[in-house]
N, C-alpha and C. Protein backbone atom coordinates (compact mmCIF):
# COMPACT_ATOMS: atom_id res chain seq x y z
N UNK A 1 49.05 179.11 183.58
CA UNK A 1 50.30 178.54 183.16
C UNK A 1 51.42 179.38 183.79
N UNK A 2 52.36 178.69 184.41
CA UNK A 2 53.45 179.43 185.05
C UNK A 2 54.49 179.86 184.00
N UNK A 3 55.39 180.73 184.41
CA UNK A 3 56.35 181.30 183.46
C UNK A 3 57.30 180.26 182.89
N UNK A 4 57.65 179.23 183.66
CA UNK A 4 58.53 178.18 183.16
C UNK A 4 57.84 177.38 182.05
N UNK A 5 56.59 177.03 182.26
CA UNK A 5 55.83 176.30 181.24
C UNK A 5 55.66 177.15 180.00
N UNK A 6 55.39 178.43 180.18
CA UNK A 6 55.24 179.34 179.05
C UNK A 6 56.53 179.40 178.24
N UNK A 7 57.66 179.47 178.92
CA UNK A 7 58.95 179.49 178.22
C UNK A 7 59.16 178.21 177.42
N UNK A 8 58.82 177.07 178.01
CA UNK A 8 58.95 175.80 177.29
C UNK A 8 58.10 175.78 176.03
N UNK A 9 56.87 176.29 176.11
CA UNK A 9 56.00 176.34 174.94
C UNK A 9 56.54 177.30 173.89
N UNK A 10 57.05 178.44 174.32
CA UNK A 10 57.63 179.40 173.37
C UNK A 10 58.86 178.80 172.69
N UNK A 11 59.68 178.10 173.45
CA UNK A 11 60.87 177.45 172.88
C UNK A 11 60.45 176.38 171.86
N UNK A 12 59.43 175.60 172.20
CA UNK A 12 58.95 174.57 171.27
C UNK A 12 58.44 175.21 169.98
N UNK A 13 57.70 176.31 170.11
CA UNK A 13 57.22 177.01 168.91
C UNK A 13 58.37 177.48 168.05
N UNK A 14 59.39 178.03 168.67
CA UNK A 14 60.54 178.53 167.92
C UNK A 14 61.31 177.41 167.24
N UNK A 15 61.41 176.27 167.90
CA UNK A 15 62.21 175.16 167.37
C UNK A 15 61.43 174.27 166.41
N UNK A 16 60.17 174.01 166.71
CA UNK A 16 59.38 173.03 165.97
C UNK A 16 58.29 173.64 165.11
N UNK A 17 57.87 174.84 165.48
CA UNK A 17 56.76 175.47 164.77
C UNK A 17 55.40 175.14 165.36
N UNK A 18 55.37 174.37 166.44
CA UNK A 18 54.11 174.04 167.12
C UNK A 18 54.40 173.67 168.56
N UNK A 19 53.36 173.64 169.36
CA UNK A 19 53.44 173.15 170.73
C UNK A 19 52.10 172.53 171.09
N UNK A 20 52.11 171.68 172.08
CA UNK A 20 50.88 171.04 172.55
C UNK A 20 50.49 171.65 173.88
N UNK A 21 49.21 171.91 174.05
CA UNK A 21 48.70 172.50 175.28
C UNK A 21 47.72 171.53 175.93
N UNK A 22 48.23 170.59 176.71
CA UNK A 22 47.35 169.62 177.38
C UNK A 22 46.30 170.34 178.24
N UNK A 23 45.07 169.89 178.14
CA UNK A 23 44.00 170.47 178.94
C UNK A 23 43.46 171.79 178.40
N UNK A 24 43.89 172.19 177.20
CA UNK A 24 43.44 173.46 176.62
C UNK A 24 41.92 173.47 176.42
N UNK A 25 41.39 172.33 175.97
CA UNK A 25 39.95 172.20 175.77
C UNK A 25 39.39 171.17 176.74
N UNK A 26 38.19 171.41 177.22
CA UNK A 26 37.52 170.45 178.10
C UNK A 26 37.00 169.27 177.28
N UNK A 27 36.62 168.21 177.97
CA UNK A 27 36.06 167.05 177.29
C UNK A 27 34.79 167.44 176.52
N UNK A 28 33.97 168.30 177.09
CA UNK A 28 32.74 168.74 176.42
C UNK A 28 33.05 169.55 175.16
N UNK A 29 34.06 170.41 175.22
CA UNK A 29 34.45 171.18 174.04
C UNK A 29 34.98 170.26 172.95
N UNK A 30 35.77 169.27 173.32
CA UNK A 30 36.29 168.32 172.35
C UNK A 30 35.15 167.56 171.66
N UNK A 31 34.14 167.18 172.41
CA UNK A 31 32.98 166.48 171.82
C UNK A 31 32.27 167.37 170.82
N UNK A 32 32.06 168.65 171.17
CA UNK A 32 31.40 169.58 170.23
C UNK A 32 32.22 169.74 168.97
N UNK A 33 33.53 169.85 169.11
CA UNK A 33 34.40 170.02 167.94
C UNK A 33 34.38 168.77 167.08
N UNK A 34 34.42 167.60 167.71
CA UNK A 34 34.34 166.36 166.93
C UNK A 34 33.06 166.33 166.10
N UNK A 35 31.98 166.85 166.65
CA UNK A 35 30.71 166.90 165.93
C UNK A 35 30.73 167.85 164.74
N UNK A 36 31.66 168.79 164.72
CA UNK A 36 31.75 169.74 163.61
C UNK A 36 32.49 169.19 162.40
N UNK A 37 33.26 168.12 162.58
CA UNK A 37 34.03 167.59 161.46
C UNK A 37 33.14 167.30 160.25
N UNK A 38 32.05 166.58 160.44
CA UNK A 38 31.17 166.25 159.32
C UNK A 38 30.60 167.49 158.67
N UNK A 39 30.30 168.49 159.47
CA UNK A 39 29.73 169.73 158.96
C UNK A 39 30.73 170.49 158.09
N UNK A 40 32.00 170.52 158.48
CA UNK A 40 33.00 171.34 157.80
C UNK A 40 33.79 170.61 156.72
N UNK A 41 33.95 169.29 156.83
CA UNK A 41 34.73 168.57 155.83
C UNK A 41 34.04 168.57 154.48
N UNK A 42 34.80 168.70 153.42
CA UNK A 42 34.27 168.68 152.07
C UNK A 42 34.00 170.03 151.47
N UNK A 43 34.11 171.08 152.24
CA UNK A 43 33.79 172.40 151.72
C UNK A 43 34.87 173.45 151.87
N UNK A 44 36.01 173.07 152.43
CA UNK A 44 37.06 174.05 152.68
C UNK A 44 38.39 173.53 152.17
N UNK A 45 38.59 173.64 150.89
CA UNK A 45 39.82 173.19 150.26
C UNK A 45 40.89 174.28 150.35
N UNK A 46 42.14 173.88 150.10
CA UNK A 46 43.24 174.84 150.11
C UNK A 46 43.00 175.96 149.11
N UNK A 47 43.52 177.13 149.43
CA UNK A 47 43.28 178.32 148.60
C UNK A 47 44.43 178.63 147.64
N UNK A 48 45.55 177.92 147.81
CA UNK A 48 46.71 178.23 146.98
C UNK A 48 47.63 177.01 146.93
N UNK A 49 48.73 177.12 146.18
CA UNK A 49 49.63 175.97 146.06
C UNK A 49 50.36 175.68 147.36
N UNK A 50 50.57 176.66 148.20
CA UNK A 50 51.21 176.41 149.49
C UNK A 50 50.35 175.50 150.36
N UNK A 51 49.06 175.80 150.44
CA UNK A 51 48.14 174.99 151.23
C UNK A 51 47.81 173.68 150.53
N UNK A 52 47.89 173.68 149.22
CA UNK A 52 47.49 172.51 148.44
C UNK A 52 46.06 172.68 147.97
N UNK A 53 45.85 172.66 146.69
CA UNK A 53 44.52 172.91 146.13
C UNK A 53 43.48 171.87 146.54
N UNK A 54 43.91 170.65 146.86
CA UNK A 54 42.97 169.59 147.22
C UNK A 54 43.01 169.24 148.70
N UNK A 55 43.76 169.98 149.47
CA UNK A 55 43.89 169.71 150.90
C UNK A 55 42.63 170.17 151.63
N UNK A 56 42.11 169.32 152.51
CA UNK A 56 40.98 169.73 153.35
C UNK A 56 41.48 170.73 154.39
N UNK A 57 40.82 171.86 154.52
CA UNK A 57 41.23 172.89 155.46
C UNK A 57 40.17 173.06 156.53
N UNK A 58 40.49 172.72 157.75
CA UNK A 58 39.56 172.95 158.85
C UNK A 58 40.28 173.65 160.00
N UNK A 59 41.27 174.50 159.65
CA UNK A 59 41.96 175.25 160.69
C UNK A 59 40.98 176.18 161.39
N UNK A 60 41.28 176.52 162.57
CA UNK A 60 40.45 177.33 163.48
C UNK A 60 39.16 176.59 163.87
N UNK A 61 39.13 175.29 163.74
CA UNK A 61 37.92 174.53 164.09
C UNK A 61 37.56 174.75 165.56
N UNK A 62 38.54 174.85 166.43
CA UNK A 62 38.26 175.06 167.86
C UNK A 62 37.51 176.36 168.10
N UNK A 63 37.73 177.37 167.27
CA UNK A 63 37.07 178.65 167.45
C UNK A 63 35.67 178.67 166.86
N UNK A 64 35.31 177.68 166.07
CA UNK A 64 34.02 177.69 165.36
C UNK A 64 32.87 177.15 166.18
N UNK A 65 33.09 176.19 167.01
CA UNK A 65 32.08 175.56 167.89
C UNK A 65 30.64 175.72 167.44
N UNK A 66 30.34 175.62 166.19
CA UNK A 66 28.96 175.61 165.74
C UNK A 66 28.64 176.66 164.83
């Protein structure tokens, strides 16, 4: 990623709280992650009122890959 693109992503994070990284994951990685949804859903509820006690939590799913 060049420095101009990096600046745009940093600006988006500062303004919106998120940014999108097209091409961050390969098609194969996306397929593996999609396969993890069934495995992880139903067992990771919010831990506090900020997250929501009944909210499904699957953050960091990209790092779990199995």
